[in-house]
Amino acid sequence: MAALGLVLAAIVSVLVLAFAWPSVTAEPRDLPVAISGTPEAVDLARQAVDDAQPGAIAFDEVDDREAAVAAIQARDVYGAVLLGPEAEVLTSSAASLPVSQLLSGVADRLEEGVNAQAAAAAAAAGSPVAPPHIEVEVTDVVPLAESDPRGTGLTAAMFPLVLGGMLGGIAVSLAVIGALRRLLAVAIYAAVGGLALAAILGPWFGGLQGEYWLNSAAIALALAAVAAPITGFVALIGRAGIAVGPVVMLLFANPISAAAMPKEFLPAPWGEVGQWFPPGAAATLLRDLSYFPAADQAFPWLVLACWAVGGALLSVVGHFRTAGGAEADAEAAEAV
C-alpha cells in the first residue's frame, strides 16, 4: 500500500510538471519580427525594444511594407515595424495573439519616442508652436476569424486531438487481435475521425478556417501519427508498447508542441524539438491551413506522415516477427 501511494504520488508529480512547466517558463525569446527604415531609425528601434524587453525580439530587416506583409503571410515573421515617413506596426493575431499584443506595446513605445524626438527638435529650433502629435498605426495583417476572435477554438482543439489519437491507439491495441488488423482499424478510425472532427471544429465551432477536406486530411493524419506508433510498439514488444502513448505523446511531446503559444516562448531547443512530434506538427499544420496558405507546409505534413508510416512499419515488423502474430495474439486473447 505504501509503495502504491508513492508511485501514484510520483505519477501525479510528473503530470503536474509536464503540463505546468511550459506555462511557468514561457517568455518571449528571439521572436522573428521584420523591420524596415533608415539605418539610424532601425538602430534606435532595436535599442528601444532591447531596453524594454531584452532578448524578446530578433529583428529581420526587409526592404519595404510589401516585403514585410509577404513575410508575415508566409509565417516567416510574427509582425513588422515600419519606420518610414509614416511609422506603422504590422501584427498577426492569427499567428499568435500574445505576440500581437506585444507588438502593439512596441507601437505605443515607438509613438512616445517619435513624439518626444519631434518635440525636442521643435524646442531646439526655437519654435513656439508644438509639433502635431504623430500616431503610429497598428495593422493586423492576418487577423483571427470572427467565429474565433480569441483563437481559443484552434488552441483548445489540440489536446483532445492528441488524447483522441492516443486513446484510439490504446483501444485498438486492446480490442483487436492481430497486428495487421489493428493497422486497418487505425486507418479506419483516423479517416472517420478526421471527417468528424473537421466538421465539428470547422463549420460547427468555427475554430478551423481552412478548406474542409484539407483539414480532414490533416486531422486524420494527426490521429494516425499518434495511434499507429502505439499499435506498432504493441505488435513489436507486446502490451508494454501501450506506454508509448502516455509517455511519449502526452507527457513529452504535448507540453512542447507550442499549440497554445509560439515555439519561441519555450526554452531552447524544446520549441523546435516539439515540431518533430505529432502534437507540434499538427498544431502548426492546422494553423497554417486556417490562416497561412502561403506558408511552407511541407515539414508538418512530412512529420505526421513519417510517424504514421513508422507506426505502420512497426506493426508489419511485429507481425512477421511473431510468425503472423501467433504468439502475441494468443497472449492477448488469454489476457482478455
Protein backbone atom coordinates (compact mmCIF):
# COMPACT_ATOMS: atom_id res chain seq x y z
CA MET A 1 0.00 0.00 0.00
CA ALA A 2 2.82 2.39 0.85
CA ALA A 3 4.60 1.58 -2.41
CA LEU A 4 1.41 2.14 -4.40
CA GLY A 5 0.90 5.50 -2.71
CA LEU A 6 4.44 6.58 -3.53
CA VAL A 7 4.08 5.51 -7.15
CA LEU A 8 0.79 7.37 -7.57
CA ALA A 9 2.27 10.49 -5.95
CA ALA A 10 5.22 10.31 -8.36
CA ILE A 11 2.86 9.97 -11.34
CA VAL A 12 0.83 12.99 -10.25
CA SER A 13 4.02 15.00 -9.75
CA VAL A 14 5.21 14.14 -13.25
CA LEU A 15 1.83 15.11 -14.72
CA VAL A 16 1.83 18.47 -12.97
CA LEU A 17 5.44 19.11 -14.01
CA ALA A 18 4.77 18.20 -17.65
CA PHE A 19 1.71 20.40 -18.03
CA ALA A 20 2.74 23.33 -15.81
CA TRP A 21 6.36 23.66 -16.97
CA PRO A 22 5.62 25.32 -20.34
CA SER A 23 3.39 27.98 -18.75
CA VAL A 24 5.75 28.69 -15.87
CA THR A 25 8.83 29.07 -18.07
CA ALA A 26 7.12 30.74 -21.03
CA GLU A 27 8.52 34.10 -22.10
CA PRO A 28 9.30 35.70 -25.47
CA ARG A 29 12.73 34.79 -26.80
CA ASP A 30 14.10 35.96 -30.16
CA LEU A 31 10.71 36.36 -31.80
CA PRO A 32 11.31 36.96 -35.53
CA VAL A 33 9.92 40.37 -36.47
CA ALA A 34 10.58 42.27 -39.70
CA ILE A 35 11.79 45.87 -39.62
CA SER A 36 12.18 48.49 -42.33
CA GLY A 37 13.60 52.00 -42.31
CA THR A 38 16.78 54.03 -42.39
CA PRO A 39 19.79 52.52 -40.62
CA GLU A 40 19.61 55.19 -37.91
CA ALA A 41 15.91 54.60 -37.26
CA VAL A 42 16.39 50.82 -37.22
CA ASP A 43 19.23 51.09 -34.69
CA LEU A 44 17.14 53.32 -32.43
CA ALA A 45 14.20 50.92 -32.61
CA ARG A 46 16.40 47.93 -31.82
CA GLN A 47 17.85 49.71 -28.80
CA ALA A 48 14.45 50.81 -27.54
CA VAL A 49 12.97 47.30 -27.78
CA ASP A 50 16.04 45.70 -26.19
CA ASP A 51 15.88 48.16 -23.31
CA ALA A 52 12.20 47.41 -22.72
CA GLN A 53 12.38 43.60 -23.14
CA PRO A 54 15.91 42.27 -23.60
CA GLY A 55 16.12 39.33 -25.98
CA ALA A 56 12.39 39.25 -26.73
CA ILE A 57 12.54 40.23 -30.40
CA ALA A 58 15.01 39.36 -33.15
CA PHE A 59 14.59 41.91 -35.94
CA ASP A 60 14.94 40.87 -39.57
CA GLU A 61 15.43 43.78 -41.96
CA VAL A 62 13.23 43.93 -45.08
CA ASP A 63 13.08 46.41 -47.93
CA ASP A 64 9.55 47.77 -47.62
CA ARG A 65 5.99 47.20 -46.41
CA GLU A 66 5.18 44.79 -49.22
CA ALA A 67 8.08 42.53 -48.27
CA ALA A 68 7.05 42.68 -44.61
CA VAL A 69 3.46 41.66 -45.42
CA ALA A 70 4.70 38.79 -47.57
CA ALA A 71 6.95 37.56 -44.75
CA ILE A 72 4.04 37.66 -42.29
CA GLN A 73 1.73 35.79 -44.65
CA ALA A 74 4.43 33.16 -45.24
CA ARG A 75 4.74 32.88 -41.44
CA ASP A 76 8.42 33.75 -41.54
CA VAL A 77 7.88 36.56 -39.02
CA TYR A 78 5.20 37.41 -36.46
CA GLY A 79 4.91 41.05 -37.44
CA ALA A 80 6.81 44.08 -38.64
CA VAL A 81 7.93 47.54 -37.56
CA LEU A 82 7.96 50.04 -40.43
CA LEU A 83 9.93 53.22 -39.81
CA GLY A 84 9.20 55.15 -42.99
CA PRO A 85 7.76 58.65 -43.33
CA GLU A 86 4.67 57.32 -41.52
CA ALA A 87 5.58 54.78 -38.86
CA GLU A 88 3.44 51.63 -38.74
CA VAL A 89 3.46 48.34 -36.85
CA LEU A 90 2.09 45.22 -38.54
CA THR A 91 0.78 42.37 -36.41
CA SER A 92 -0.74 38.95 -36.98
CA SER A 93 -3.17 37.84 -34.29
CA ALA A 94 -3.75 34.60 -36.21
CA ALA A 95 -0.09 33.66 -35.73
CA SER A 96 -0.08 34.49 -32.02
CA LEU A 97 -2.35 36.73 -30.03
CA PRO A 98 0.25 37.28 -27.24
CA VAL A 99 2.87 38.37 -29.80
CA SER A 100 0.32 40.64 -31.46
CA GLN A 101 -0.31 42.30 -28.10
CA LEU A 102 3.44 42.57 -27.52
CA LEU A 103 3.91 44.36 -30.84
CA SER A 104 1.03 46.71 -30.01
CA GLY A 105 3.02 47.67 -26.91
CA VAL A 106 6.05 48.26 -29.13
CA ALA A 107 3.89 50.61 -31.23
CA ASP A 108 2.95 52.59 -28.12
CA ARG A 109 6.60 52.98 -27.10
CA LEU A 110 7.55 53.88 -30.67
CA GLU A 111 4.84 56.55 -30.74
CA GLU A 112 6.11 58.04 -27.48
CA GLY A 113 9.67 58.10 -28.80
CA VAL A 114 8.76 59.69 -32.13
CA ASN A 115 6.73 62.45 -30.49
CA ALA A 116 9.44 63.08 -27.91
CA GLN A 117 12.00 63.46 -30.69
CA ALA A 118 9.69 65.82 -32.60
CA ALA A 119 9.12 67.96 -29.50
CA ALA A 120 12.87 68.08 -28.79
CA ALA A 121 13.61 69.11 -32.37
CA ALA A 122 10.99 71.88 -32.22
CA ALA A 123 12.36 73.15 -28.93
CA ALA A 124 15.91 73.16 -30.29
CA ALA A 125 14.73 75.16 -33.30
CA GLY A 126 13.04 77.65 -31.02
CA SER A 127 9.60 77.06 -32.49
CA PRO A 128 6.83 78.50 -30.29
CA VAL A 129 4.30 76.06 -31.77
CA ALA A 130 4.22 72.46 -30.52
CA PRO A 131 4.58 69.92 -33.33
CA PRO A 132 1.47 67.91 -34.25
CA HIS A 133 1.02 64.59 -32.48
CA ILE A 134 2.27 61.66 -34.57
CA GLU A 135 0.31 58.41 -34.33
CA VAL A 136 1.84 55.02 -35.06
CA GLU A 137 -0.79 52.93 -36.80
CA VAL A 138 -1.18 49.27 -35.87
CA THR A 139 -2.47 46.96 -38.63
CA ASP A 140 -3.46 43.34 -38.11
CA VAL A 141 -2.35 41.78 -41.40
CA VAL A 142 -3.68 38.27 -40.69
CA PRO A 143 -6.45 38.61 -38.10
CA LEU A 144 -8.28 35.81 -36.34
CA ALA A 145 -11.68 34.87 -37.72
CA GLU A 146 -14.83 36.46 -36.31
CA SER A 147 -16.02 32.97 -35.35
CA ASP A 148 -12.93 32.52 -33.15
CA PRO A 149 -11.78 36.04 -32.19
CA ARG A 150 -9.53 34.87 -29.34
CA GLY A 151 -8.11 31.83 -31.11
CA THR A 152 -9.40 29.57 -28.34
CA GLY A 153 -11.14 27.14 -30.69
CA LEU A 154 -7.98 26.27 -32.57
CA THR A 155 -5.87 26.07 -29.41
CA ALA A 156 -8.37 24.06 -27.37
CA ALA A 157 -8.75 21.51 -30.16
CA MET A 158 -5.18 20.28 -29.95
CA PHE A 159 -5.26 18.47 -26.60
CA PRO A 160 -8.42 16.45 -27.46
CA LEU A 161 -6.83 15.64 -30.82
CA VAL A 162 -3.72 14.20 -29.12
CA LEU A 163 -5.81 12.46 -26.48
CA GLY A 164 -8.14 11.05 -29.13
CA GLY A 165 -5.27 9.64 -31.15
CA MET A 166 -3.71 8.14 -28.04
CA LEU A 167 -6.96 6.57 -26.79
CA GLY A 168 -7.68 5.27 -30.29
CA GLY A 169 -4.32 3.53 -30.44
CA ILE A 170 -4.75 2.03 -26.96
CA ALA A 171 -8.34 0.90 -27.62
CA VAL A 172 -7.39 -0.75 -30.90
CA SER A 173 -4.44 -2.46 -29.24
CA LEU A 174 -6.69 -3.90 -26.54
CA ALA A 175 -9.78 -4.74 -28.60
CA VAL A 176 -8.32 -6.01 -31.89
CA ILE A 177 -6.20 -9.14 -32.18
CA GLY A 178 -3.62 -9.22 -34.97
CA ALA A 179 -1.07 -6.60 -35.93
CA LEU A 180 -2.37 -6.06 -39.44
CA ARG A 181 -5.97 -5.97 -38.29
CA ARG A 182 -5.00 -3.29 -35.80
CA LEU A 183 -3.34 -1.35 -38.59
CA LEU A 184 -6.54 -1.47 -40.63
CA ALA A 185 -8.58 -0.41 -37.60
CA VAL A 186 -6.30 2.59 -37.03
CA ALA A 187 -6.66 3.61 -40.68
CA ILE A 188 -10.47 3.46 -40.49
CA TYR A 189 -10.52 5.26 -37.15
CA ALA A 190 -8.23 8.04 -38.43
CA ALA A 191 -10.20 8.56 -41.64
CA VAL A 192 -13.61 8.70 -39.96
CA GLY A 193 -12.24 10.74 -37.07
CA GLY A 194 -10.72 13.25 -39.47
CA LEU A 195 -14.02 13.79 -41.25
CA ALA A 196 -15.95 14.11 -38.00
CA LEU A 197 -13.52 16.39 -36.15
CA ALA A 198 -13.04 18.67 -39.15
CA ALA A 199 -16.81 19.15 -39.30
CA ILE A 200 -17.03 19.86 -35.55
CA LEU A 201 -14.03 22.18 -35.34
CA GLY A 202 -14.71 23.89 -38.66
CA PRO A 203 -18.32 24.52 -39.74
CA TRP A 204 -19.77 23.84 -36.27
CA PHE A 205 -17.43 25.58 -33.79
CA GLY A 206 -15.68 27.88 -36.26
CA GLY A 207 -12.23 27.09 -34.91
CA LEU A 208 -10.79 25.94 -38.26
CA GLN A 209 -10.93 28.32 -41.21
CA GLY A 210 -9.27 26.27 -43.95
CA GLU A 211 -10.79 24.06 -46.60
CA TYR A 212 -12.80 21.21 -45.07
CA TRP A 213 -11.17 18.37 -46.99
CA LEU A 214 -7.64 19.59 -46.26
CA ASN A 215 -8.49 19.96 -42.58
CA SER A 216 -9.98 16.46 -42.61
CA ALA A 217 -6.81 15.04 -44.15
CA ALA A 218 -4.60 16.86 -41.65
CA ILE A 219 -6.63 15.68 -38.64
CA ALA A 220 -6.81 12.11 -39.97
CA LEU A 221 -3.04 12.04 -40.48
CA ALA A 222 -2.51 13.50 -36.98
CA LEU A 223 -4.72 10.81 -35.42
CA ALA A 224 -2.85 8.11 -37.33
CA ALA A 225 0.51 9.64 -36.36
CA VAL A 226 -0.40 9.31 -32.67
CA ALA A 227 -2.26 5.99 -32.80
CA ALA A 228 -0.12 4.00 -35.25
CA PRO A 229 3.10 4.07 -33.18
CA ILE A 230 1.16 2.73 -30.19
CA THR A 231 -0.24 -0.25 -32.08
CA GLY A 232 3.14 -0.68 -33.77
CA PHE A 233 5.02 -0.98 -30.49
CA VAL A 234 2.33 -3.28 -29.12
CA ALA A 235 2.87 -5.54 -32.12
CA LEU A 236 6.63 -5.38 -31.59
CA ILE A 237 7.02 -5.73 -27.81
CA GLY A 238 3.56 -6.62 -26.52
CA ARG A 239 1.29 -4.77 -24.10
CA ALA A 240 4.19 -2.69 -22.79
CA GLY A 241 4.03 -0.78 -26.07
CA ILE A 242 0.85 0.93 -24.88
CA ALA A 243 3.07 3.18 -22.73
CA VAL A 244 4.24 4.94 -25.91
CA GLY A 245 1.03 6.96 -25.88
CA PRO A 246 1.01 8.35 -22.33
CA VAL A 247 4.78 8.73 -22.04
CA VAL A 248 5.86 9.98 -25.48
CA MET A 249 2.78 11.72 -26.83
CA LEU A 250 1.12 13.05 -23.68
CA LEU A 251 3.89 13.73 -21.16
CA PHE A 252 6.73 14.65 -23.53
CA ALA A 253 5.51 15.80 -26.95
CA ASN A 254 2.31 17.61 -25.96
CA PRO A 255 3.85 20.10 -23.49
CA ILE A 256 6.46 21.20 -26.05
CA SER A 257 4.05 21.25 -29.01
CA ALA A 258 3.69 25.07 -28.85
CA ALA A 259 -0.02 24.69 -29.57
CA ALA A 260 -1.02 27.40 -27.10
CA MET A 261 1.99 29.71 -27.52
CA PRO A 262 4.74 30.44 -30.04
CA LYS A 263 7.57 27.93 -30.04
CA GLU A 264 9.94 30.80 -29.24
CA PHE A 265 8.27 31.12 -25.83
CA LEU A 266 9.69 27.74 -24.79
CA PRO A 267 13.29 27.39 -23.61
CA ALA A 268 15.63 26.42 -26.46
CA PRO A 269 15.74 23.96 -28.07
CA TRP A 270 12.41 22.49 -26.90
CA GLY A 271 10.22 24.65 -29.10
CA GLU A 272 11.96 23.34 -32.22
CA VAL A 273 12.10 19.77 -30.87
CA GLY A 274 8.35 19.81 -30.34
CA GLN A 275 7.76 20.40 -34.05
CA TRP A 276 9.23 16.97 -34.83
CA PHE A 277 6.45 15.20 -32.92
CA PRO A 278 2.80 14.75 -33.94
CA PRO A 279 1.24 17.26 -31.47
CA GLY A 280 3.52 20.11 -32.55
CA ALA A 281 3.33 19.30 -36.25
CA ALA A 282 -0.46 19.00 -36.13
CA ALA A 283 -0.84 22.34 -34.31
CA THR A 284 1.37 24.10 -36.85
CA LEU A 285 -0.30 22.48 -39.84
CA LEU A 286 -3.88 23.27 -38.78
CA ARG A 287 -2.97 26.90 -38.07
CA ASP A 288 -1.28 27.21 -41.46
CA LEU A 289 -4.25 25.65 -43.25
CA SER A 290 -6.62 28.03 -41.48
CA TYR A 291 -4.76 31.32 -41.81
CA PHE A 292 -1.48 31.00 -43.71
CA PRO A 293 -1.99 29.26 -47.07
CA ALA A 294 1.18 30.95 -48.35
CA ALA A 295 3.33 29.31 -45.65
CA ASP A 296 5.52 26.32 -46.45
CA GLN A 297 3.52 23.39 -45.06
CA ALA A 298 5.75 20.57 -46.28
CA PHE A 299 7.52 20.00 -42.95
CA PRO A 300 4.46 19.35 -40.72
CA TRP A 301 2.87 17.14 -43.39
CA LEU A 302 6.11 15.16 -43.62
CA VAL A 303 6.48 14.82 -39.83
CA LEU A 304 2.95 13.45 -39.43
CA ALA A 305 3.37 11.10 -42.39
CA CYS A 306 6.67 9.75 -41.02
CA TRP A 307 5.13 8.97 -37.62
CA ALA A 308 2.10 7.30 -39.21
CA VAL A 309 4.18 5.27 -41.67
CA GLY A 310 6.73 4.45 -38.98
CA GLY A 311 3.99 3.07 -36.75
CA ALA A 312 2.64 1.01 -39.63
CA LEU A 313 6.08 -0.41 -40.37
CA LEU A 314 6.44 -1.41 -36.70
CA SER A 315 3.15 -3.28 -36.98
CA VAL A 316 4.38 -5.12 -40.07
CA VAL A 317 7.69 -5.98 -38.41
CA GLY A 318 5.89 -7.17 -35.29
CA HIS A 319 3.50 -9.24 -37.39
CA PHE A 320 6.27 -11.15 -39.14
CA ARG A 321 8.48 -11.33 -36.05
CA THR A 322 5.83 -13.42 -34.31
CA ALA A 323 5.01 -15.51 -37.38
CA GLY A 324 1.82 -13.71 -38.23
CA GLY A 325 1.23 -12.52 -34.71
CA ALA A 326 0.53 -16.00 -33.33
CA GLU A 327 2.35 -15.54 -30.03
CA ALA A 328 1.14 -12.03 -29.37
CA ASP A 329 -2.43 -12.87 -30.41
CA ALA A 330 -2.55 -15.91 -28.14
CA GLU A 331 -1.29 -13.86 -25.21
CA ALA A 332 -3.75 -11.06 -25.98
CA ALA A 333 -6.69 -13.45 -26.27
CA GLU A 334 -5.78 -15.09 -22.98
CA ALA A 335 -5.41 -11.71 -21.27
CA VAL A 336 -8.84 -10.62 -22.49
